[in-house]
PDB file of N, CA and C in Angstrom:
ATOM      1  N   MET A   1      33.548 -22.994 125.520  1.00  0.00           N
ATOM      2  CA  MET A   1      32.704 -21.871 125.830  1.00  0.00           C
ATOM      3  C   MET A   1      31.358 -22.068 125.153  1.00  0.00           C
ATOM      4  N   GLU A   2      30.341 -21.652 125.857  1.00  0.00           N
ATOM      5  CA  GLU A   2      28.996 -21.761 125.305  1.00  0.00           C
ATOM      6  C   GLU A   2      28.226 -20.494 125.630  1.00  0.00           C
ATOM      7  N   LEU A   3      27.729 -19.845 124.607  1.00  0.00           N
ATOM      8  CA  LEU A   3      26.930 -18.646 124.779  1.00  0.00           C
ATOM      9  C   LEU A   3      25.570 -19.058 125.324  1.00  0.00           C
ATOM     10  N   CYS A   4      25.218 -18.556 126.510  1.00  0.00           N
ATOM     11  CA  CYS A   4      23.951 -18.928 127.155  1.00  0.00           C
ATOM     12  C   CYS A   4      22.829 -17.950 126.816  1.00  0.00           C
ATOM     13  N   THR A   5      23.163 -16.661 126.734  1.00  0.00           N
ATOM     14  CA  THR A   5      22.176 -15.648 126.369  1.00  0.00           C
ATOM     15  C   THR A   5      22.849 -14.626 125.473  1.00  0.00           C
ATOM     16  N   GLY A   6      22.042 -13.939 124.676  1.00  0.00           N
ATOM     17  CA  GLY A   6      22.581 -12.932 123.784  1.00  0.00           C
ATOM     18  C   GLY A   6      22.970 -13.525 122.440  1.00  0.00           C
ATOM     19  N   GLU A   7      23.337 -12.644 121.527  1.00  0.00           N
ATOM     20  CA  GLU A   7      23.726 -13.068 120.179  1.00  0.00           C
ATOM     21  C   GLU A   7      25.235 -13.171 120.029  1.00  0.00           C
ATOM     22  N   SER A   8      25.981 -12.547 120.949  1.00  0.00           N
ATOM     23  CA  SER A   8      27.440 -12.530 120.895  1.00  0.00           C
ATOM     24  C   SER A   8      27.976 -12.269 122.292  1.00  0.00           C
ATOM     25  N   TYR A   9      29.126 -12.818 122.603  1.00  0.00           N
ATOM     26  CA  TYR A   9      29.743 -12.528 123.892  1.00  0.00           C
ATOM     27  C   TYR A   9      30.102 -11.054 124.020  1.00  0.00           C
ATOM     28  N   ALA A  10      30.218 -10.353 122.882  1.00  0.00           N
ATOM     29  CA  ALA A  10      30.572  -8.938 122.873  1.00  0.00           C
ATOM     30  C   ALA A  10      29.326  -8.060 122.951  1.00  0.00           C
ATOM     31  N   GLN A  11      28.234  -8.594 123.493  1.00  0.00           N
ATOM     32  CA  GLN A  11      26.990  -7.858 123.675  1.00  0.00           C
ATOM     33  C   GLN A  11      26.763  -7.699 125.176  1.00  0.00           C
ATOM     34  N   VAL A  12      26.545  -6.460 125.632  1.00  0.00           N
ATOM     35  CA  VAL A  12      26.299  -6.226 127.053  1.00  0.00           C
ATOM     36  C   VAL A  12      25.110  -7.074 127.499  1.00  0.00           C
ATOM     37  N   GLY A  13      25.306  -7.783 128.614  1.00  0.00           N
ATOM     38  CA  GLY A  13      24.275  -8.655 129.159  1.00  0.00           C
ATOM     39  C   GLY A  13      24.431 -10.112 128.772  1.00  0.00           C
ATOM     40  N   ALA A  14      25.271 -10.414 127.792  1.00  0.00           N
ATOM     41  CA  ALA A  14      25.459 -11.805 127.357  1.00  0.00           C
ATOM     42  C   ALA A  14      26.070 -12.635 128.480  1.00  0.00           C
ATOM     43  N   LEU A  15      25.601 -13.867 128.598  1.00  0.00           N
ATOM     44  CA  LEU A  15      26.168 -14.822 129.551  1.00  0.00           C
ATOM     45  C   LEU A  15      26.918 -15.890 128.778  1.00  0.00           C
ATOM     46  N   LEU A  16      28.129 -16.206 129.245  1.00  0.00           N
ATOM     47  CA  LEU A  16      28.980 -17.181 128.577  1.00  0.00           C
ATOM     48  C   LEU A  16      29.442 -18.211 129.602  1.00  0.00           C
ATOM     49  N   ALA A  17      29.110 -19.487 129.363  1.00  0.00           N
ATOM     50  CA  ALA A  17      29.582 -20.567 130.220  1.00  0.00           C
ATOM     51  C   ALA A  17      30.958 -20.996 129.728  1.00  0.00           C
ATOM     52  N   ASN A  18      31.917 -21.051 130.635  1.00  0.00           N
ATOM     53  CA  ASN A  18      33.302 -21.366 130.297  1.00  0.00           C
ATOM     54  C   ASN A  18      33.757 -22.604 131.047  1.00  0.00           C
ATOM     55  N   GLU A  19      34.597 -23.382 130.400  1.00  0.00           N
ATOM     56  CA  GLU A  19      35.243 -24.514 131.045  1.00  0.00           C
ATOM     57  C   GLU A  19      36.697 -24.516 130.598  1.00  0.00           C
ATOM     58  N   VAL A  20      37.590 -24.351 131.554  1.00  0.00           N
ATOM     59  CA  VAL A  20      39.019 -24.311 131.255  1.00  0.00           C
ATOM     60  C   VAL A  20      39.621 -25.648 131.653  1.00  0.00           C
ATOM     61  N   ARG A  21      40.299 -26.262 130.683  1.00  0.00           N
ATOM     62  CA  ARG A  21      40.955 -27.548 130.929  1.00  0.00           C
ATOM     63  C   ARG A  21      42.438 -27.403 130.596  1.00  0.00           C
ATOM     64  N   VAL A  22      43.256 -27.681 131.569  1.00  0.00           N
ATOM     65  CA  VAL A  22      44.695 -27.715 131.368  1.00  0.00           C
ATOM     66  C   VAL A  22      45.131 -29.129 131.707  1.00  0.00           C
ATOM     67  N   GLN A  23      45.968 -29.694 130.845  1.00  0.00           N
ATOM     68  CA  GLN A  23      46.376 -31.086 131.001  1.00  0.00           C
ATOM     69  C   GLN A  23      46.843 -31.368 132.423  1.00  0.00           C
ATOM     70  N   GLY A  24      46.326 -32.443 132.977  1.00  0.00           N
ATOM     71  CA  GLY A  24      46.736 -32.873 134.303  1.00  0.00           C
ATOM     72  C   GLY A  24      45.977 -32.202 135.435  1.00  0.00           C
ATOM     73  N   ARG A  25      45.001 -31.351 135.114  1.00  0.00           N
ATOM     74  CA  ARG A  25      44.240 -30.654 136.161  1.00  0.00           C
ATOM     75  C   ARG A  25      42.752 -30.867 135.929  1.00  0.00           C
ATOM     76  N   LEU A  26      41.997 -30.736 136.993  1.00  0.00           N
ATOM     77  CA  LEU A  26      40.547 -30.815 136.873  1.00  0.00           C
ATOM     78  C   LEU A  26      40.038 -29.583 136.130  1.00  0.00           C
ATOM     79  N   PRO A  27      38.946 -29.724 135.367  1.00  0.00           N
ATOM     80  CA  PRO A  27      38.400 -28.559 134.665  1.00  0.00           C
ATOM     81  C   PRO A  27      37.854 -27.530 135.660  1.00  0.00           C
ATOM     82  N   ILE A  28      37.963 -26.278 135.305  1.00  0.00           N
ATOM     83  CA  ILE A  28      37.422 -25.188 136.113  1.00  0.00           C
ATOM     84  C   ILE A  28      36.286 -24.569 135.312  1.00  0.00           C
ATOM     85  N   LYS A  29      35.105 -24.479 135.942  1.00  0.00           N
ATOM     86  CA  LYS A  29      33.923 -23.964 135.260  1.00  0.00           C
ATOM     87  C   LYS A  29      33.500 -22.649 135.900  1.00  0.00           C
ATOM     88  N   PHE A  30      33.063 -21.717 135.040  1.00  0.00           N
ATOM     89  CA  PHE A  30      32.559 -20.434 135.534  1.00  0.00           C
ATOM     90  C   PHE A  30      31.699 -19.787 134.452  1.00  0.00           C
ATOM     91  N   VAL A  31      30.886 -18.839 134.874  1.00  0.00           N
ATOM     92  CA  VAL A  31      30.008 -18.117 133.956  1.00  0.00           C
ATOM     93  C   VAL A  31      30.357 -16.637 134.042  1.00  0.00           C
ATOM     94  N   THR A  32      30.509 -16.013 132.874  1.00  0.00           N
ATOM     95  CA  THR A  32      30.767 -14.577 132.825  1.00  0.00           C
ATOM     96  C   THR A  32      29.591 -13.856 132.182  1.00  0.00           C
ATOM     97  N   LYS A  33      29.398 -12.617 132.627  1.00  0.00           N
ATOM     98  CA  LYS A  33      28.385 -11.738 132.055  1.00  0.00           C
ATOM     99  C   LYS A  33      29.101 -10.524 131.493  1.00  0.00           C
ATOM    100  N   THR A  34      28.873 -10.217 130.231  1.00  0.00           N
ATOM    101  CA  THR A  34      29.498  -9.052 129.612  1.00  0.00           C
ATOM    102  C   THR A  34      28.830  -7.796 130.163  1.00  0.00           C
ATOM    103  N   ILE A  35      29.650  -6.886 130.728  1.00  0.00           N
ATOM    104  CA  ILE A  35      29.085  -5.694 131.352  1.00  0.00           C
ATOM    105  C   ILE A  35      29.501  -4.399 130.655  1.00  0.00           C
ATOM    106  N   GLU A  36      30.496  -4.459 129.775  1.00  0.00           N
ATOM    107  CA  GLU A  36      30.899  -3.256 129.056  1.00  0.00           C
ATOM    108  C   GLU A  36      31.614  -3.663 127.770  1.00  0.00           C
ATOM    109  N   VAL A  37      31.305  -2.959 126.699  1.00  0.00           N
ATOM    110  CA  VAL A  37      31.946  -3.208 125.409  1.00  0.00           C
ATOM    111  C   VAL A  37      32.248  -1.875 124.751  1.00  0.00           C
ATOM    112  N   GLU A  38      33.487  -1.707 124.343  1.00  0.00           N
ATOM    113  CA  GLU A  38      33.885  -0.591 123.477  1.00  0.00           C
ATOM    114  C   GLU A  38      34.486  -1.253 122.245  1.00  0.00           C
ATOM    115  N   GLU A  39      33.804  -1.138 121.114  1.00  0.00           N
ATOM    116  CA  GLU A  39      34.226  -1.847 119.908  1.00  0.00           C
ATOM    117  C   GLU A  39      35.697  -1.600 119.603  1.00  0.00           C
ATOM    118  N   ASN A  40      36.423  -2.689 119.357  1.00  0.00           N
ATOM    119  CA  ASN A  40      37.857  -2.669 119.034  1.00  0.00           C
ATOM    120  C   ASN A  40      38.720  -2.082 120.148  1.00  0.00           C
ATOM    121  N   ALA A  41      38.190  -2.003 121.374  1.00  0.00           N
ATOM    122  CA  ALA A  41      38.973  -1.416 122.455  1.00  0.00           C
ATOM    123  C   ALA A  41      38.872  -2.188 123.779  1.00  0.00           C
ATOM    124  N   LEU A  42      37.672  -2.673 124.134  1.00  0.00           N
ATOM    125  CA  LEU A  42      37.496  -3.224 125.477  1.00  0.00           C
ATOM    126  C   LEU A  42      36.316  -4.185 125.517  1.00  0.00           C
ATOM    127  N   ILE A  43      36.497  -5.293 126.241  1.00  0.00           N
ATOM    128  CA  ILE A  43      35.392  -6.151 126.665  1.00  0.00           C
ATOM    129  C   ILE A  43      35.622  -6.407 128.150  1.00  0.00           C
ATOM    130  N   ARG A  44      34.637  -5.989 128.963  1.00  0.00           N
ATOM    131  CA  ARG A  44      34.736  -6.174 130.412  1.00  0.00           C
ATOM    132  C   ARG A  44      33.631  -7.126 130.838  1.00  0.00           C
ATOM    133  N   VAL A  45      34.000  -8.123 131.644  1.00  0.00           N
ATOM    134  CA  VAL A  45      33.047  -9.140 132.087  1.00  0.00           C
ATOM    135  C   VAL A  45      33.053  -9.240 133.603  1.00  0.00           C
ATOM    136  N   GLU A  46      31.930  -9.731 134.104  1.00  0.00           N
ATOM    137  CA  GLU A  46      31.799 -10.028 135.524  1.00  0.00           C
ATOM    138  C   GLU A  46      31.652 -11.535 135.670  1.00  0.00           C
ATOM    139  N   TYR A  47      32.372 -12.126 136.619  1.00  0.00           N
ATOM    140  CA  TYR A  47      32.259 -13.557 136.911  1.00  0.00           C
ATOM    141  C   TYR A  47      31.077 -13.717 137.862  1.00  0.00           C
ATOM    142  N   VAL A  48      29.996 -14.364 137.393  1.00  0.00           N
ATOM    143  CA  VAL A  48      28.742 -14.390 138.149  1.00  0.00           C
ATOM    144  C   VAL A  48      28.396 -15.751 138.741  1.00  0.00           C
ATOM    145  N   ALA A  49      29.043 -16.813 138.303  1.00  0.00           N
ATOM    146  CA  ALA A  49      28.768 -18.149 138.839  1.00  0.00           C
ATOM    147  C   ALA A  49      29.987 -19.036 138.610  1.00  0.00           C
ATOM    148  N   GLY A  50      30.083 -20.072 139.430  1.00  0.00           N
ATOM    149  CA  GLY A  50      31.171 -21.023 139.257  1.00  0.00           C
ATOM    150  C   GLY A  50      32.367 -20.727 140.130  1.00  0.00           C
ATOM    151  N   ALA A  51      33.546 -21.010 139.618  1.00  0.00           N
ATOM    152  CA  ALA A  51      34.781 -21.026 140.396  1.00  0.00           C
ATOM    153  C   ALA A  51      35.312 -19.658 140.816  1.00  0.00           C
ATOM    154  N   PHE A  52      34.828 -18.564 140.210  1.00  0.00           N
ATOM    155  CA  PHE A  52      35.356 -17.233 140.527  1.00  0.00           C
ATOM    156  C   PHE A  52      34.239 -16.210 140.661  1.00  0.00           C
ATOM    157  N   ARG A  53      34.527 -15.146 141.425  1.00  0.00           N
ATOM    158  CA  ARG A  53      33.687 -13.947 141.471  1.00  0.00           C
ATOM    159  C   ARG A  53      34.627 -12.770 141.260  1.00  0.00           C
ATOM    160  N   GLY A  54      34.186 -11.801 140.498  1.00  0.00           N
ATOM    161  CA  GLY A  54      35.007 -10.626 140.248  1.00  0.00           C
ATOM    162  C   GLY A  54      34.822 -10.144 138.825  1.00  0.00           C
ATOM    163  N   GLU A  55      35.858  -9.505 138.290  1.00  0.00           N
ATOM    164  CA  GLU A  55      35.791  -8.942 136.945  1.00  0.00           C
ATOM    165  C   GLU A  55      37.083  -9.197 136.179  1.00  0.00           C
ATOM    166  N   ALA A  56      36.953  -9.085 134.875  1.00  0.00           N
ATOM    167  CA  ALA A  56      38.118  -9.135 133.990  1.00  0.00           C
ATOM    168  C   ALA A  56      37.882  -8.133 132.869  1.00  0.00           C
ATOM    169  N   ALA A  57      38.953  -7.525 132.406  1.00  0.00           N
ATOM    170  CA  ALA A  57      38.861  -6.575 131.297  1.00  0.00           C
ATOM    171  C   ALA A  57      39.889  -6.952 130.244  1.00  0.00           C
ATOM    172  N   TRP A  58      39.404  -7.199 129.028  1.00  0.00           N
ATOM    173  CA  TRP A  58      40.246  -7.466 127.866  1.00  0.00           C
ATOM    174  C   TRP A  58      40.385  -6.147 127.117  1.00  0.00           C
ATOM    175  N   ARG A  59      41.602  -5.668 126.929  1.00  0.00           N
ATOM    176  CA  ARG A  59      41.838  -4.415 126.201  1.00  0.00           C
ATOM    177  C   ARG A  59      42.567  -4.711 124.900  1.00  0.00           C
ATOM    178  N   PHE A  60      42.155  -4.004 123.859  1.00  0.00           N
ATOM    179  CA  PHE A  60      42.734  -4.145 122.533  1.00  0.00           C
ATOM    180  C   PHE A  60      43.278  -2.784 122.133  1.00  0.00           C
ATOM    181  N   GLU A  61      44.594  -2.704 121.878  1.00  0.00           N
ATOM    182  CA  GLU A  61      45.226  -1.436 121.513  1.00  0.00           C
ATOM    183  C   GLU A  61      45.871  -1.557 120.139  1.00  0.00           C
ATOM    184  N   ASP A  62      45.642  -0.567 119.280  1.00  0.00           N
ATOM    185  CA  ASP A  62      46.250  -0.540 117.959  1.00  0.00           C
ATOM    186  C   ASP A  62      47.697  -0.078 118.089  1.00  0.00           C
ATOM    187  N   LEU A  63      48.608  -0.857 117.528  1.00  0.00           N
ATOM    188  CA  LEU A  63      50.032  -0.516 117.525  1.00  0.00           C
ATOM    189  C   LEU A  63      50.542  -0.605 116.094  1.00  0.00           C
ATOM    190  N   ASP A  64      50.435   0.473 115.383  1.00  0.00           N
ATOM    191  CA  ASP A  64      50.918   0.518 113.994  1.00  0.00           C
ATOM    192  C   ASP A  64      50.405  -0.645 113.153  1.00  0.00           C
ATOM    193  N   GLY A  65      49.085  -0.853 113.196  1.00  0.00           N
ATOM    194  CA  GLY A  65      48.486  -1.892 112.373  1.00  0.00           C
ATOM    195  C   GLY A  65      48.443  -3.262 113.023  1.00  0.00           C
ATOM    196  N   GLN A  66      49.035  -3.410 114.199  1.00  0.00           N
ATOM    197  CA  GLN A  66      48.942  -4.662 114.940  1.00  0.00           C
ATOM    198  C   GLN A  66      48.119  -4.393 116.193  1.00  0.00           C
ATOM    199  N   THR A  67      47.752  -5.434 116.883  1.00  0.00           N
ATOM    200  CA  THR A  67      46.909  -5.282 118.066  1.00  0.00           C
ATOM    201  C   THR A  67      47.610  -5.827 119.294  1.00  0.00           C
ATOM    202  N   ARG A  68      47.634  -5.006 120.346  1.00  0.00           N
ATOM    203  CA  ARG A  68      48.124  -5.471 121.648  1.00  0.00           C
ATOM    204  C   ARG A  68      46.889  -5.880 122.450  1.00  0.00           C
ATOM    205  N   LEU A  69      46.906  -7.096 122.960  1.00  0.00           N
ATOM    206  CA  LEU A  69      45.816  -7.627 123.772  1.00  0.00           C
ATOM    207  C   LEU A  69      46.319  -7.767 125.198  1.00  0.00           C
ATOM    208  N   SER A  70      45.570  -7.224 126.138  1.00  0.00           N
ATOM    209  CA  SER A  70      45.945  -7.387 127.544  1.00  0.00           C
ATOM    210  C   SER A  70      44.712  -7.794 128.343  1.00  0.00           C
ATOM    211  N   LEU A  71      44.952  -8.457 129.446  1.00  0.00           N
ATOM    212  CA  LEU A  71      43.881  -8.920 130.325  1.00  0.00           C
ATOM    213  C   LEU A  71      44.190  -8.488 131.742  1.00  0.00           C
ATOM    214  N   ARG A  72      43.231  -7.834 132.362  1.00  0.00           N
ATOM    215  CA  ARG A  72      43.324  -7.525 133.795  1.00  0.00           C
ATOM    216  C   ARG A  72      42.279  -8.393 134.466  1.00  0.00           C
ATOM    217  N   TRP A  73      42.745  -9.303 135.312  1.00  0.00           N
ATOM    218  CA  TRP A  73      41.912 -10.327 135.934  1.00  0.00           C
ATOM    219  C   TRP A  73      41.861 -10.042 137.419  1.00  0.00           C
ATOM    220  N   GLN A  74      40.699  -9.642 137.920  1.00  0.00           N
ATOM    221  CA  GLN A  74      40.537  -9.318 139.339  1.00  0.00           C
ATOM    222  C   GLN A  74      39.404 -10.161 139.897  1.00  0.00           C
ATOM    223  N   THR A  75      39.750 -11.328 140.395  1.00  0.00           N
ATOM    224  CA  THR A  75      38.752 -12.259 140.899  1.00  0.00           C
ATOM    225  C   THR A  75      39.204 -12.868 142.211  1.00  0.00           C
ATOM    226  N   ILE A  76      38.251 -13.487 142.874  1.00  0.00           N
ATOM    227  CA  ILE A  76      38.558 -14.318 144.038  1.00  0.00           C
ATOM    228  C   ILE A  76      37.934 -15.686 143.792  1.00  0.00           C
ATOM    229  N   PRO A  77      38.545 -16.728 144.312  1.00  0.00           N
ATOM    230  CA  PRO A  77      37.977 -18.061 144.151  1.00  0.00           C
ATOM    231  C   PRO A  77      36.636 -18.159 144.891  1.00  0.00           C
ATOM    232  N   ALA A  78      35.714 -18.948 144.356  1.00  0.00           N
ATOM    233  CA  ALA A  78      34.400 -19.130 144.960  1.00  0.00           C
ATOM    234  C   ALA A  78      34.055 -20.616 144.967  1.00  0.00           C
ATOM    235  N   GLY A  79      33.010 -20.952 145.672  1.00  0.00           N
ATOM    236  CA  GLY A  79      32.539 -22.341 145.711  1.00  0.00           C
ATOM    237  C   GLY A  79      33.606 -23.281 146.250  1.00  0.00           C
ATOM    238  N   ALA A  80      33.658 -24.481 145.678  1.00  0.00           N
ATOM    239  CA  ALA A  80      34.632 -25.482 146.118  1.00  0.00           C
ATOM    240  C   ALA A  80      36.057 -24.972 145.945  1.00  0.00           C
ATOM    241  N   LEU A  81      36.309 -24.245 144.849  1.00  0.00           N
ATOM    242  CA  LEU A  81      37.643 -23.696 144.627  1.00  0.00           C
ATOM    243  C   LEU A  81      38.002 -22.698 145.728  1.00  0.00           C
ATOM    244  N   GLY A  82      37.007 -21.933 146.179  1.00  0.00           N
ATOM    245  CA  GLY A  82      37.230 -20.978 147.260  1.00  0.00           C
ATOM    246  C   GLY A  82      37.660 -21.668 148.549  1.00  0.00           C
ATOM    247  N   MET A  83      37.074 -22.821 148.832  1.00  0.00           N
ATOM    248  CA  MET A  83      37.441 -23.561 150.048  1.00  0.00           C
ATOM    249  C   MET A  83      38.854 -24.127 149.940  1.00  0.00           C
ATOM    250  N   LEU A  84      39.254 -24.522 148.730  1.00  0.00           N
ATOM    251  CA  LEU A  84      40.577 -25.108 148.527  1.00  0.00           C
ATOM    252  C   LEU A  84      41.660 -24.066 148.256  1.00  0.00           C
ATOM    253  N   ALA A  85      41.250 -22.833 147.992  1.00  0.00           N
ATOM    254  CA  ALA A  85      42.190 -21.783 147.565  1.00  0.00           C
ATOM    255  C   ALA A  85      43.426 -21.637 148.441  1.00  0.00           C
ATOM    256  N   PRO A  86      43.304 -21.699 149.760  1.00  0.00           N
ATOM    257  CA  PRO A  86      44.515 -21.543 150.573  1.00  0.00           C
ATOM    258  C   PRO A  86      45.573 -22.619 150.310  1.00  0.00           C
ATOM    259  N   LEU A  87      45.162 -23.725 149.724  1.00  0.00           N
ATOM    260  CA  LEU A  87      46.082 -24.834 149.473  1.00  0.00           C
ATOM    261  C   LEU A  87      46.599 -24.874 148.038  1.00  0.00           C
ATOM    262  N   LEU A  88      46.079 -24.002 147.171  1.00  0.00           N
ATOM    263  CA  LEU A  88      46.384 -24.075 145.743  1.00  0.00           C
ATOM    264  C   LEU A  88      47.140 -22.832 145.260  1.00  0.00           C
ATOM    265  N   PRO A  89      48.033 -23.013 144.289  1.00  0.00           N
ATOM    266  CA  PRO A  89      48.748 -21.871 143.692  1.00  0.00           C
ATOM    267  C   PRO A  89      47.921 -21.237 142.565  1.00  0.00           C
ATOM    268  N   ILE A  90      46.832 -20.531 142.916  1.00  0.00           N
ATOM    269  CA  ILE A  90      45.888 -20.048 141.909  1.00  0.00           C
ATOM    270  C   ILE A  90      46.529 -19.037 140.968  1.00  0.00           C
ATOM    271  N   ALA A  91      47.292 -18.082 141.471  1.00  0.00           N
ATOM    272  CA  ALA A  91      47.906 -17.071 140.600  1.00  0.00           C
ATOM    273  C   ALA A  91      48.842 -17.736 139.586  1.00  0.00           C
ATOM    274  N   LYS A  92      49.654 -18.688 140.035  1.00  0.00           N
ATOM    275  CA  LYS A  92      50.553 -19.379 139.109  1.00  0.00           C
ATOM    276  C   LYS A  92      49.758 -20.204 138.103  1.00  0.00           C
ATOM    277  N   SER A  93      48.713 -20.871 138.562  1.00  0.00           N
ATOM    278  CA  SER A  93      47.886 -21.664 137.653  1.00  0.00           C
ATOM    279  C   SER A  93      47.240 -20.779 136.593  1.00  0.00           C
ATOM    280  N   HIS A  94      46.787 -19.594 137.003  1.00  0.00           N
ATOM    281  CA  HIS A  94      46.188 -18.669 136.033  1.00  0.00           C
ATOM    282  C   HIS A  94      47.225 -18.252 135.003  1.00  0.00           C
ATOM    283  N   SER A  95      48.418 -17.905 135.458  1.00  0.00           N
ATOM    284  CA  SER A  95      49.488 -17.512 134.529  1.00  0.00           C
ATOM    285  C   SER A  95      49.821 -18.643 133.567  1.00  0.00           C
ATOM    286  N   ASP A  96      49.924 -19.855 134.077  1.00  0.00           N
ATOM    287  CA  ASP A  96      50.223 -21.013 133.222  1.00  0.00           C
ATOM    288  C   ASP A  96      49.110 -21.233 132.199  1.00  0.00           C
ATOM    289  N   THR A  97      47.863 -21.128 132.643  1.00  0.00           N
ATOM    290  CA  THR A  97      46.722 -21.323 131.751  1.00  0.00           C
ATOM    291  C   THR A  97      46.697 -20.264 130.662  1.00  0.00           C
ATOM    292  N   MET A  98      46.927 -19.009 131.027  1.00  0.00           N
ATOM    293  CA  MET A  98      46.931 -17.928 130.043  1.00  0.00           C
ATOM    294  C   MET A  98      48.075 -18.107 129.052  1.00  0.00           C
ATOM    295  N   ARG A  99      49.228 -18.555 129.527  1.00  0.00           N
ATOM    296  CA  ARG A  99      50.366 -18.778 128.639  1.00  0.00           C
ATOM    297  C   ARG A  99      50.007 -19.831 127.584  1.00  0.00           C
ATOM    298  N   VAL A 100      49.378 -20.931 128.025  1.00  0.00           N
ATOM    299  CA  VAL A 100      48.959 -21.974 127.098  1.00  0.00           C
ATOM    300  C   VAL A 100      47.943 -21.404 126.106  1.00  0.00           C
ATOM    301  N   GLY A 101      46.994 -20.622 126.594  1.00  0.00           N
ATOM    302  CA  GLY A 101      45.990 -20.020 125.715  1.00  0.00           C
ATOM    303  C   GLY A 101      46.611 -19.120 124.663  1.00  0.00           C
ATOM    304  N   PHE A 102      47.560 -18.287 125.071  1.00  0.00           N
ATOM    305  CA  PHE A 102      48.205 -17.396 124.111  1.00  0.00           C
ATOM    306  C   PHE A 102      49.076 -18.176 123.125  1.00  0.00           C
ATOM    307  N   GLU A 103      49.698 -19.269 123.570  1.00  0.00           N
ATOM    308  CA  GLU A 103      50.470 -20.100 122.641  1.00  0.00           C
ATOM    309  C   GLU A 103      49.549 -20.712 121.588  1.00  0.00           C
ATOM    310  N   LYS A 104      48.355 -21.143 122.005  1.00  0.00           N
ATOM    311  CA  LYS A 104      47.393 -21.695 121.048  1.00  0.00           C
ATOM    312  C   LYS A 104      46.896 -20.594 120.106  1.00  0.00           C
ATOM    313  N   LEU A 105      46.688 -19.401 120.636  1.00  0.00           N
ATOM    314  CA  LEU A 105      46.281 -18.279 119.791  1.00  0.00           C
ATOM    315  C   LEU A 105      47.363 -17.962 118.771  1.00  0.00           C
ATOM    316  N   ARG A 106      48.621 -17.986 119.202  1.00  0.00           N
ATOM    317  CA  ARG A 106      49.740 -17.746 118.276  1.00  0.00           C
ATOM    318  C   ARG A 106      49.726 -18.774 117.149  1.00  0.00           C
ATOM    319  N   GLY A 107      49.542 -20.057 117.483  1.00  0.00           N
ATOM    320  CA  GLY A 107      49.495 -21.097 116.468  1.00  0.00           C
ATOM    321  C   GLY A 107      48.340 -20.889 115.498  1.00  0.00           C
ATOM    322  N   PHE A 108      47.178 -20.508 116.029  1.00  0.00           N
ATOM    323  CA  PHE A 108      46.022 -20.233 115.175  1.00  0.00           C
ATOM    324  C   PHE A 108      46.323 -19.082 114.227  1.00  0.00           C
ATOM    325  N   LEU A 109      46.903 -18.006 114.746  1.00  0.00           N
ATOM    326  CA  LEU A 109      47.211 -16.846 113.905  1.00  0.00           C
ATOM    327  C   LEU A 109      48.252 -17.194 112.845  1.00  0.00           C
ATOM    328  N   MET A 110      49.250 -17.974 113.208  1.00  0.00           N
ATOM    329  CA  MET A 110      50.274 -18.349 112.236  1.00  0.00           C
ATOM    330  C   MET A 110      49.656 -19.164 111.093  1.00  0.00           C
ATOM    331  N   GLU A 111      48.660 -19.986 111.425  1.00  0.00           N
ATOM    332  CA  GLU A 111      48.014 -20.806 110.402  1.00  0.00           C
ATOM    333  C   GLU A 111      47.039 -19.984 109.555  1.00  0.00           C
ATOM    334  N   HIS A 112      46.283 -19.099 110.187  1.00  0.00           N
ATOM    335  CA  HIS A 112      45.199 -18.403 109.498  1.00  0.00           C
ATOM    336  C   HIS A 112      45.537 -16.968 109.092  1.00  0.00           C
ATOM    337  N   ALA A 113      46.569 -16.403 109.680  1.00  0.00           N
ATOM    338  CA  ALA A 113      46.987 -15.025 109.348  1.00  0.00           C
ATOM    339  C   ALA A 113      48.508 -14.984 109.408  1.00  0.00           C
ATOM    340  N   PRO A 114      49.182 -15.600 108.421  1.00  0.00           N
ATOM    341  CA  PRO A 114      50.629 -15.789 108.470  1.00  0.00           C
ATOM    342  C   PRO A 114      51.438 -14.507 108.700  1.00  0.00           C
ATOM    343  N   GLY A 115      50.913 -13.355 108.325  1.00  0.00           N
ATOM    344  CA  GLY A 115      51.662 -12.110 108.512  1.00  0.00           C
ATOM    345  C   GLY A 115      51.557 -11.546 109.913  1.00  0.00           C
ATOM    346  N   ALA A 116      50.719 -12.139 110.753  1.00  0.00           N
ATOM    347  CA  ALA A 116      50.513 -11.612 112.105  1.00  0.00           C
ATOM    348  C   ALA A 116      51.699 -11.960 112.991  1.00  0.00           C
ATOM    349  N   ALA A 117      52.131 -10.994 113.753  1.00  0.00           N
ATOM    350  CA  ALA A 117      53.198 -11.222 114.718  1.00  0.00           C
ATOM    351  C   ALA A 117      52.579 -11.262 116.103  1.00  0.00           C
ATOM    352  N   MET A 118      53.166 -12.051 117.003  1.00  0.00           N
ATOM    353  CA  MET A 118      52.619 -12.134 118.347  1.00  0.00           C
ATOM    354  C   MET A 118      53.750 -12.272 119.342  1.00  0.00           C
ATOM    355  N   ASP A 119      53.742 -11.399 120.326  1.00  0.00           N
ATOM    356  CA  ASP A 119      54.727 -11.403 121.388  1.00  0.00           C
ATOM    357  C   ASP A 119      53.966 -11.633 122.687  1.00  0.00           C
ATOM    358  N   VAL A 120      54.234 -12.744 123.363  1.00  0.00           N
ATOM    359  CA  VAL A 120      53.524 -13.070 124.593  1.00  0.00           C
ATOM    360  C   VAL A 120      54.416 -12.737 125.774  1.00  0.00           C
ATOM    361  N   ARG A 121      53.906 -11.879 126.630  1.00  0.00           N
ATOM    362  CA  ARG A 121      54.649 -11.513 127.849  1.00  0.00           C
ATOM    363  C   ARG A 121      53.724 -11.614 129.039  1.00  0.00           C
ATOM    364  N   SER A 122      54.264 -12.077 130.142  1.00  0.00           N
ATOM    365  CA  SER A 122      53.514 -12.108 131.390  1.00  0.00           C
ATOM    366  C   SER A 122      54.090 -11.041 132.292  1.00  0.00           C
ATOM    367  N   PRO A 123      53.212 -10.363 133.060  1.00  0.00           N
ATOM    368  CA  PRO A 123      53.743  -9.390 134.007  1.00  0.00           C
ATOM    369  C   PRO A 123      54.686 -10.075 134.990  1.00  0.00           C
ATOM    370  N   GLY A 124      55.757  -9.385 135.322  1.00  0.00           N
ATOM    371  CA  GLY A 124      56.802  -9.946 136.176  1.00  0.00           C
ATOM    372  C   GLY A 124      56.342 -10.346 137.490  1.00  0.00           C
TER     373      GLY A 124
END
């Protein structure tokens, strides 16, 4: 990830260039623009360039001193990915990518915040 504009991705108007790499797959590139921030509660972004168009909302909920993180991802494929979309399992690929990301986050938390607990669940 590379911050293109703004001082933080959690600043309304910030642009963030993203590149997602999952082993055995081509990288997927896209740019998000932060459109809403509620401190310690919500970061909502719009996909403005690259492989997707749409929005995503990251929600943070306090649960007795721990944090529940959820993502609502509402996008459609665009560009070259949009042309190939009918042939690709995009929803499954997104779920697999998010699972890998959360596993890496769990490892980071275990190393840097040993008391943190993390339960990763995917919607059925």
